[in-house]
Amino acid sequence: METRIAIIGIIVHNLESAKEINKILHHYNQYIVGRMGIPYKEKGLSVMSIVMDAPSDIIGAVSGKLGMLPDVNVKTVYSK
């Protein structure tokens, strides 16, 4: 199956969501190329970026599951 490169940008407004985020990312870890998380204490949030190499439906599933979490904003950018 053909894969695509994607970046999932995540802003976490409530750090209690971190456990669920990590659970989702762990489930799809075979598709994750890298991840970066930056706590922004002054604003009380965290910013994450996840680089994936996966089929489009897998990337969509990860983005969708993350986006359904409370106080979590997600945007995904796909390669051509």
PDB file of N, CA and C in Angstrom:
ATOM      1  N   MET A   1       0.835  -1.180   0.000  1.00  0.00           N
ATOM      2  CA  MET A   1       0.000   0.000   0.000  1.00  0.00           C
ATOM      3  C   MET A   1       0.888   1.255   0.000  1.00  0.00           C
ATOM      4  N   GLU A   2       0.490   2.236  -0.765  1.00  0.00           N
ATOM      5  CA  GLU A   2       1.259   3.481  -0.874  1.00  0.00           C
ATOM      6  C   GLU A   2       1.151   4.305   0.406  1.00  0.00           C
ATOM      7  N   THR A   3       2.281   4.875   0.798  1.00  0.00           N
ATOM      8  CA  THR A   3       2.283   5.709   1.996  1.00  0.00           C
ATOM      9  C   THR A   3       2.543   7.164   1.635  1.00  0.00           C
ATOM     10  N   ARG A   4       2.216   8.029   2.569  1.00  0.00           N
ATOM     11  CA  ARG A   4       2.463   9.461   2.405  1.00  0.00           C
ATOM     12  C   ARG A   4       3.160   9.970   3.658  1.00  0.00           C
ATOM     13  N   ILE A   5       3.855  11.060   3.488  1.00  0.00           N
ATOM     14  CA  ILE A   5       4.465  11.745   4.627  1.00  0.00           C
ATOM     15  C   ILE A   5       3.475  12.804   5.084  1.00  0.00           C
ATOM     16  N   ALA A   6       3.304  12.913   6.381  1.00  0.00           N
ATOM     17  CA  ALA A   6       2.394  13.919   6.931  1.00  0.00           C
ATOM     18  C   ALA A   6       2.963  14.460   8.240  1.00  0.00           C
ATOM     19  N   ILE A   7       2.585  15.683   8.540  1.00  0.00           N
ATOM     20  CA  ILE A   7       2.906  16.288   9.823  1.00  0.00           C
ATOM     21  C   ILE A   7       1.589  16.571  10.529  1.00  0.00           C
ATOM     22  N   ILE A   8       1.467  16.052  11.726  1.00  0.00           N
ATOM     23  CA  ILE A   8       0.287  16.326  12.540  1.00  0.00           C
ATOM     24  C   ILE A   8       0.705  17.336  13.598  1.00  0.00           C
ATOM     25  N   GLY A   9       0.092  18.513  13.564  1.00  0.00           N
ATOM     26  CA  GLY A   9       0.342  19.553  14.558  1.00  0.00           C
ATOM     27  C   GLY A   9      -0.726  19.475  15.634  1.00  0.00           C
ATOM     28  N   ILE A  10      -0.296  19.483  16.880  1.00  0.00           N
ATOM     29  CA  ILE A  10      -1.216  19.308  18.004  1.00  0.00           C
ATOM     30  C   ILE A  10      -0.980  20.417  19.025  1.00  0.00           C
ATOM     31  N   ILE A  11      -2.053  21.055  19.468  1.00  0.00           N
ATOM     32  CA  ILE A  11      -1.974  21.992  20.584  1.00  0.00           C
ATOM     33  C   ILE A  11      -2.834  21.413  21.696  1.00  0.00           C
ATOM     34  N   VAL A  12      -2.222  21.229  22.855  1.00  0.00           N
ATOM     35  CA  VAL A  12      -2.890  20.617  24.003  1.00  0.00           C
ATOM     36  C   VAL A  12      -3.140  21.704  25.042  1.00  0.00           C
ATOM     37  N   HIS A  13      -4.406  22.015  25.264  1.00  0.00           N
ATOM     38  CA  HIS A  13      -4.778  23.067  26.207  1.00  0.00           C
ATOM     39  C   HIS A  13      -4.950  22.548  27.626  1.00  0.00           C
ATOM     40  N   ASN A  14      -5.086  21.248  27.784  1.00  0.00           N
ATOM     41  CA  ASN A  14      -5.248  20.646  29.097  1.00  0.00           C
ATOM     42  C   ASN A  14      -4.296  19.456  29.174  1.00  0.00           C
ATOM     43  N   LEU A  15      -3.294  19.553  30.023  1.00  0.00           N
ATOM     44  CA  LEU A  15      -2.263  18.515  30.070  1.00  0.00           C
ATOM     45  C   LEU A  15      -2.785  17.170  30.566  1.00  0.00           C
ATOM     46  N   GLU A  16      -3.998  17.130  31.091  1.00  0.00           N
ATOM     47  CA  GLU A  16      -4.582  15.852  31.491  1.00  0.00           C
ATOM     48  C   GLU A  16      -4.895  14.980  30.272  1.00  0.00           C
ATOM     49  N   SER A  17      -4.917  15.571  29.088  1.00  0.00           N
ATOM     50  CA  SER A  17      -5.150  14.808  27.857  1.00  0.00           C
ATOM     51  C   SER A  17      -3.902  14.072  27.392  1.00  0.00           C
ATOM     52  N   ALA A  18      -2.755  14.371  28.002  1.00  0.00           N
ATOM     53  CA  ALA A  18      -1.484  13.793  27.553  1.00  0.00           C
ATOM     54  C   ALA A  18      -1.476  12.268  27.598  1.00  0.00           C
ATOM     55  N   LYS A  19      -2.094  11.690  28.604  1.00  0.00           N
ATOM     56  CA  LYS A  19      -2.110  10.227  28.722  1.00  0.00           C
ATOM     57  C   LYS A  19      -2.817   9.590  27.526  1.00  0.00           C
ATOM     58  N   GLU A  20      -3.960  10.145  27.136  1.00  0.00           N
ATOM     59  CA  GLU A  20      -4.696   9.612  25.989  1.00  0.00           C
ATOM     60  C   GLU A  20      -3.944   9.854  24.678  1.00  0.00           C
ATOM     61  N   ILE A  21      -3.316  11.008  24.554  1.00  0.00           N
ATOM     62  CA  ILE A  21      -2.514  11.303  23.354  1.00  0.00           C
ATOM     63  C   ILE A  21      -1.408  10.268  23.208  1.00  0.00           C
ATOM     64  N   ASN A  22      -0.678  10.034  24.278  1.00  0.00           N
ATOM     65  CA  ASN A  22       0.422   9.066  24.227  1.00  0.00           C
ATOM     66  C   ASN A  22      -0.073   7.654  23.946  1.00  0.00           C
ATOM     67  N   LYS A  23      -1.255   7.311  24.441  1.00  0.00           N
ATOM     68  CA  LYS A  23      -1.831   5.990  24.182  1.00  0.00           C
ATOM     69  C   LYS A  23      -2.116   5.823  22.685  1.00  0.00           C
ATOM     70  N   ILE A  24      -2.693   6.851  22.070  1.00  0.00           N
ATOM     71  CA  ILE A  24      -2.983   6.813  20.629  1.00  0.00           C
ATOM     72  C   ILE A  24      -1.690   6.737  19.826  1.00  0.00           C
ATOM     73  N   LEU A  25      -0.730   7.587  20.165  1.00  0.00           N
ATOM     74  CA  LEU A  25       0.540   7.596  19.425  1.00  0.00           C
ATOM     75  C   LEU A  25       1.283   6.279  19.583  1.00  0.00           C
ATOM     76  N   HIS A  26       1.234   5.686  20.758  1.00  0.00           N
ATOM     77  CA  HIS A  26       1.900   4.396  20.967  1.00  0.00           C
ATOM     78  C   HIS A  26       1.270   3.313  20.092  1.00  0.00           C
ATOM     79  N   HIS A  27      -0.053   3.357  19.946  1.00  0.00           N
ATOM     80  CA  HIS A  27      -0.749   2.360  19.133  1.00  0.00           C
ATOM     81  C   HIS A  27      -0.293   2.415  17.660  1.00  0.00           C
ATOM     82  N   TYR A  28       0.049   3.611  17.188  1.00  0.00           N
ATOM     83  CA  TYR A  28       0.465   3.797  15.784  1.00  0.00           C
ATOM     84  C   TYR A  28       1.965   4.054  15.658  1.00  0.00           C
ATOM     85  N   ASN A  29       2.755   3.632  16.633  1.00  0.00           N
ATOM     86  CA  ASN A  29       4.178   3.987  16.653  1.00  0.00           C
ATOM     87  C   ASN A  29       4.971   3.459  15.463  1.00  0.00           C
ATOM     88  N   GLN A  30       4.507   2.394  14.811  1.00  0.00           N
ATOM     89  CA  GLN A  30       5.253   1.863  13.669  1.00  0.00           C
ATOM     90  C   GLN A  30       5.232   2.815  12.467  1.00  0.00           C
ATOM     91  N   TYR A  31       4.305   3.789  12.472  1.00  0.00           N
ATOM     92  CA  TYR A  31       4.202   4.761  11.380  1.00  0.00           C
ATOM     93  C   TYR A  31       4.836   6.110  11.720  1.00  0.00           C
ATOM     94  N   ILE A  32       5.257   6.275  12.953  1.00  0.00           N
ATOM     95  CA  ILE A  32       5.793   7.574  13.392  1.00  0.00           C
ATOM     96  C   ILE A  32       7.285   7.640  13.113  1.00  0.00           C
ATOM     97  N   VAL A  33       7.680   8.646  12.336  1.00  0.00           N
ATOM     98  CA  VAL A  33       9.088   8.865  12.006  1.00  0.00           C
ATOM     99  C   VAL A  33       9.761   9.638  13.135  1.00  0.00           C
ATOM    100  N   GLY A  34       9.055  10.608  13.685  1.00  0.00           N
ATOM    101  CA  GLY A  34       9.600  11.406  14.778  1.00  0.00           C
ATOM    102  C   GLY A  34       8.518  12.249  15.418  1.00  0.00           C
ATOM    103  N   ARG A  35       8.816  12.723  16.610  1.00  0.00           N
ATOM    104  CA  ARG A  35       7.870  13.582  17.305  1.00  0.00           C
ATOM    105  C   ARG A  35       8.626  14.579  18.161  1.00  0.00           C
ATOM    106  N   MET A  36       7.999  15.732  18.332  1.00  0.00           N
ATOM    107  CA  MET A  36       8.601  16.785  19.141  1.00  0.00           C
ATOM    108  C   MET A  36       7.491  17.411  19.976  1.00  0.00           C
ATOM    109  N   GLY A  37       7.751  17.595  21.239  1.00  0.00           N
ATOM    110  CA  GLY A  37       6.793  18.249  22.117  1.00  0.00           C
ATOM    111  C   GLY A  37       7.450  19.400  22.845  1.00  0.00           C
ATOM    112  N   ILE A  38       6.752  20.508  22.887  1.00  0.00           N
ATOM    113  CA  ILE A  38       7.290  21.701  23.547  1.00  0.00           C
ATOM    114  C   ILE A  38       6.271  22.198  24.566  1.00  0.00           C
ATOM    115  N   PRO A  39       6.609  22.139  25.858  1.00  0.00           N
ATOM    116  CA  PRO A  39       5.702  22.720  26.850  1.00  0.00           C
ATOM    117  C   PRO A  39       5.813  24.246  26.814  1.00  0.00           C
ATOM    118  N   TYR A  40       4.697  24.919  26.816  1.00  0.00           N
ATOM    119  CA  TYR A  40       4.677  26.381  26.799  1.00  0.00           C
ATOM    120  C   TYR A  40       4.015  26.817  28.109  1.00  0.00           C
ATOM    121  N   LYS A  41       4.801  26.798  29.167  1.00  0.00           N
ATOM    122  CA  LYS A  41       4.290  27.007  30.518  1.00  0.00           C
ATOM    123  C   LYS A  41       3.623  28.358  30.702  1.00  0.00           C
ATOM    124  N   GLU A  42       4.154  29.381  30.050  1.00  0.00           N
ATOM    125  CA  GLU A  42       3.581  30.719  30.192  1.00  0.00           C
ATOM    126  C   GLU A  42       2.132  30.782  29.726  1.00  0.00           C
ATOM    127  N   LYS A  43       1.789  29.957  28.743  1.00  0.00           N
ATOM    128  CA  LYS A  43       0.425  29.917  28.201  1.00  0.00           C
ATOM    129  C   LYS A  43      -0.381  28.739  28.749  1.00  0.00           C
ATOM    130  N   GLY A  44       0.275  27.859  29.516  1.00  0.00           N
ATOM    131  CA  GLY A  44      -0.413  26.714  30.088  1.00  0.00           C
ATOM    132  C   GLY A  44      -0.830  25.667  29.075  1.00  0.00           C
ATOM    133  N   LEU A  45      -0.012  25.479  28.032  1.00  0.00           N
ATOM    134  CA  LEU A  45      -0.316  24.485  27.010  1.00  0.00           C
ATOM    135  C   LEU A  45       0.950  23.834  26.496  1.00  0.00           C
ATOM    136  N   SER A  46       0.768  22.851  25.650  1.00  0.00           N
ATOM    137  CA  SER A  46       1.889  22.181  24.991  1.00  0.00           C
ATOM    138  C   SER A  46       1.634  22.140  23.495  1.00  0.00           C
ATOM    139  N   VAL A  47       2.713  22.184  22.736  1.00  0.00           N
ATOM    140  CA  VAL A  47       2.646  22.116  21.276  1.00  0.00           C
ATOM    141  C   VAL A  47       3.446  20.893  20.846  1.00  0.00           C
ATOM    142  N   MET A  48       2.824  20.074  19.986  1.00  0.00           N
ATOM    143  CA  MET A  48       3.489  18.865  19.512  1.00  0.00           C
ATOM    144  C   MET A  48       3.450  18.801  17.989  1.00  0.00           C
ATOM    145  N   SER A  49       4.467  18.165  17.435  1.00  0.00           N
ATOM    146  CA  SER A  49       4.429  17.847  16.009  1.00  0.00           C
ATOM    147  C   SER A  49       4.832  16.387  15.849  1.00  0.00           C
ATOM    148  N   ILE A  50       4.065  15.699  15.017  1.00  0.00           N
ATOM    149  CA  ILE A  50       4.284  14.281  14.770  1.00  0.00           C
ATOM    150  C   ILE A  50       4.511  14.103  13.274  1.00  0.00           C
ATOM    151  N   VAL A  51       5.611  13.479  12.898  1.00  0.00           N
ATOM    152  CA  VAL A  51       5.886  13.186  11.491  1.00  0.00           C
ATOM    153  C   VAL A  51       5.572  11.711  11.264  1.00  0.00           C
ATOM    154  N   MET A  52       4.715  11.460  10.271  1.00  0.00           N
ATOM    155  CA  MET A  52       4.310  10.088   9.977  1.00  0.00           C
ATOM    156  C   MET A  52       4.603   9.719   8.528  1.00  0.00           C
ATOM    157  N   ASP A  53       4.866   8.453   8.311  1.00  0.00           N
ATOM    158  CA  ASP A  53       4.973   7.857   6.977  1.00  0.00           C
ATOM    159  C   ASP A  53       4.012   6.678   6.989  1.00  0.00           C
ATOM    160  N   ALA A  54       2.818   6.887   6.438  1.00  0.00           N
ATOM    161  CA  ALA A  54       1.756   5.895   6.564  1.00  0.00           C
ATOM    162  C   ALA A  54       0.748   6.046   5.436  1.00  0.00           C
ATOM    163  N   PRO A  55      -0.099   5.042   5.246  1.00  0.00           N
ATOM    164  CA  PRO A  55      -1.207   5.198   4.299  1.00  0.00           C
ATOM    165  C   PRO A  55      -2.129   6.332   4.768  1.00  0.00           C
ATOM    166  N   SER A  56      -2.786   6.974   3.832  1.00  0.00           N
ATOM    167  CA  SER A  56      -3.646   8.120   4.154  1.00  0.00           C
ATOM    168  C   SER A  56      -4.715   7.782   5.184  1.00  0.00           C
ATOM    169  N   ASP A  57      -5.276   6.580   5.110  1.00  0.00           N
ATOM    170  CA  ASP A  57      -6.332   6.233   6.068  1.00  0.00           C
ATOM    171  C   ASP A  57      -5.803   6.110   7.493  1.00  0.00           C
ATOM    172  N   ILE A  58      -4.577   5.678   7.649  1.00  0.00           N
ATOM    173  CA  ILE A  58      -3.968   5.588   8.985  1.00  0.00           C
ATOM    174  C   ILE A  58      -3.715   6.990   9.538  1.00  0.00           C
ATOM    175  N   ILE A  59      -3.170   7.864   8.704  1.00  0.00           N
ATOM    176  CA  ILE A  59      -2.924   9.241   9.130  1.00  0.00           C
ATOM    177  C   ILE A  59      -4.237   9.898   9.534  1.00  0.00           C
ATOM    178  N   GLY A  60      -5.268   9.692   8.733  1.00  0.00           N
ATOM    179  CA  GLY A  60      -6.581  10.243   9.044  1.00  0.00           C
ATOM    180  C   GLY A  60      -7.145   9.697  10.351  1.00  0.00           C
ATOM    181  N   ALA A  61      -6.920   8.408  10.599  1.00  0.00           N
ATOM    182  CA  ALA A  61      -7.408   7.798  11.840  1.00  0.00           C
ATOM    183  C   ALA A  61      -6.721   8.410  13.054  1.00  0.00           C
ATOM    184  N   VAL A  62      -5.416   8.584  12.965  1.00  0.00           N
ATOM    185  CA  VAL A  62      -4.670   9.191  14.077  1.00  0.00           C
ATOM    186  C   VAL A  62      -5.142  10.619  14.306  1.00  0.00           C
ATOM    187  N   SER A  63      -5.227  11.399  13.236  1.00  0.00           N
ATOM    188  CA  SER A  63      -5.683  12.790  13.357  1.00  0.00           C
ATOM    189  C   SER A  63      -7.087  12.859  13.941  1.00  0.00           C
ATOM    190  N   GLY A  64      -7.964  11.996  13.471  1.00  0.00           N
ATOM    191  CA  GLY A  64      -9.339  11.987  13.954  1.00  0.00           C
ATOM    192  C   GLY A  64      -9.448  11.635  15.421  1.00  0.00           C
ATOM    193  N   LYS A  65      -8.719  10.613  15.846  1.00  0.00           N
ATOM    194  CA  LYS A  65      -8.759  10.197  17.245  1.00  0.00           C
ATOM    195  C   LYS A  65      -8.194  11.283  18.158  1.00  0.00           C
ATOM    196  N   LEU A  66      -7.104  11.900  17.719  1.00  0.00           N
ATOM    197  CA  LEU A  66      -6.520  12.985  18.524  1.00  0.00           C
ATOM    198  C   LEU A  66      -7.464  14.181  18.585  1.00  0.00           C
ATOM    199  N   GLY A  67      -8.076  14.497  17.463  1.00  0.00           N
ATOM    200  CA  GLY A  67      -8.971  15.649  17.395  1.00  0.00           C
ATOM    201  C   GLY A  67     -10.237  15.503  18.212  1.00  0.00           C
ATOM    202  N   MET A  68     -10.619  14.273  18.545  1.00  0.00           N
ATOM    203  CA  MET A  68     -11.818  14.046  19.341  1.00  0.00           C
ATOM    204  C   MET A  68     -11.558  14.207  20.838  1.00  0.00           C
ATOM    205  N   LEU A  69     -10.295  14.290  21.227  1.00  0.00           N
ATOM    206  CA  LEU A  69      -9.980  14.457  22.643  1.00  0.00           C
ATOM    207  C   LEU A  69     -10.346  15.873  23.095  1.00  0.00           C
ATOM    208  N   PRO A  70     -10.837  16.009  24.323  1.00  0.00           N
ATOM    209  CA  PRO A  70     -11.187  17.349  24.811  1.00  0.00           C
ATOM    210  C   PRO A  70      -9.946  18.221  24.980  1.00  0.00           C
ATOM    211  N   ASP A  71     -10.083  19.492  24.650  1.00  0.00           N
ATOM    212  CA  ASP A  71      -9.011  20.485  24.811  1.00  0.00           C
ATOM    213  C   ASP A  71      -7.780  20.193  23.961  1.00  0.00           C
ATOM    214  N   VAL A  72      -7.977  19.499  22.826  1.00  0.00           N
ATOM    215  CA  VAL A  72      -6.876  19.185  21.909  1.00  0.00           C
ATOM    216  C   VAL A  72      -7.271  19.677  20.521  1.00  0.00           C
ATOM    217  N   ASN A  73      -6.403  20.501  19.910  1.00  0.00           N
ATOM    218  CA  ASN A  73      -6.604  20.971  18.544  1.00  0.00           C
ATOM    219  C   ASN A  73      -5.587  20.282  17.640  1.00  0.00           C
ATOM    220  N   VAL A  74      -6.044  19.814  16.473  1.00  0.00           N
ATOM    221  CA  VAL A  74      -5.187  19.051  15.563  1.00  0.00           C
ATOM    222  C   VAL A  74      -5.354  19.565  14.134  1.00  0.00           C
ATOM    223  N   LYS A  75      -4.241  19.685  13.440  1.00  0.00           N
ATOM    224  CA  LYS A  75      -4.233  19.982  11.997  1.00  0.00           C
ATOM    225  C   LYS A  75      -3.201  19.071  11.356  1.00  0.00           C
ATOM    226  N   THR A  76      -3.513  18.608  10.156  1.00  0.00           N
ATOM    227  CA  THR A  76      -2.613  17.689   9.457  1.00  0.00           C
ATOM    228  C   THR A  76      -2.255  18.249   8.088  1.00  0.00           C
ATOM    229  N   VAL A  77      -0.970  18.155   7.768  1.00  0.00           N
ATOM    230  CA  VAL A  77      -0.471  18.577   6.459  1.00  0.00           C
ATOM    231  C   VAL A  77       0.117  17.345   5.779  1.00  0.00           C
ATOM    232  N   TYR A  78      -0.329  17.078   4.542  1.00  0.00           N
ATOM    233  CA  TYR A  78       0.112  15.916   3.781  1.00  0.00           C
ATOM    234  C   TYR A  78       1.103  16.313   2.696  1.00  0.00           C
ATOM    235  N   SER A  79       2.013  15.388   2.394  1.00  0.00           N
ATOM    236  CA  SER A  79       2.877  15.584   1.221  1.00  0.00           C
ATOM    237  C   SER A  79       2.052  15.347  -0.028  1.00  0.00           C
ATOM    238  N   LYS A  80       2.579  15.784  -1.175  1.00  0.00           N
ATOM    239  CA  LYS A  80       1.874  15.569  -2.446  1.00  0.00           C
ATOM    240  C   LYS A  80       2.031  14.149  -2.897  1.00  0.00           C
TER     241      LYS A  80
END
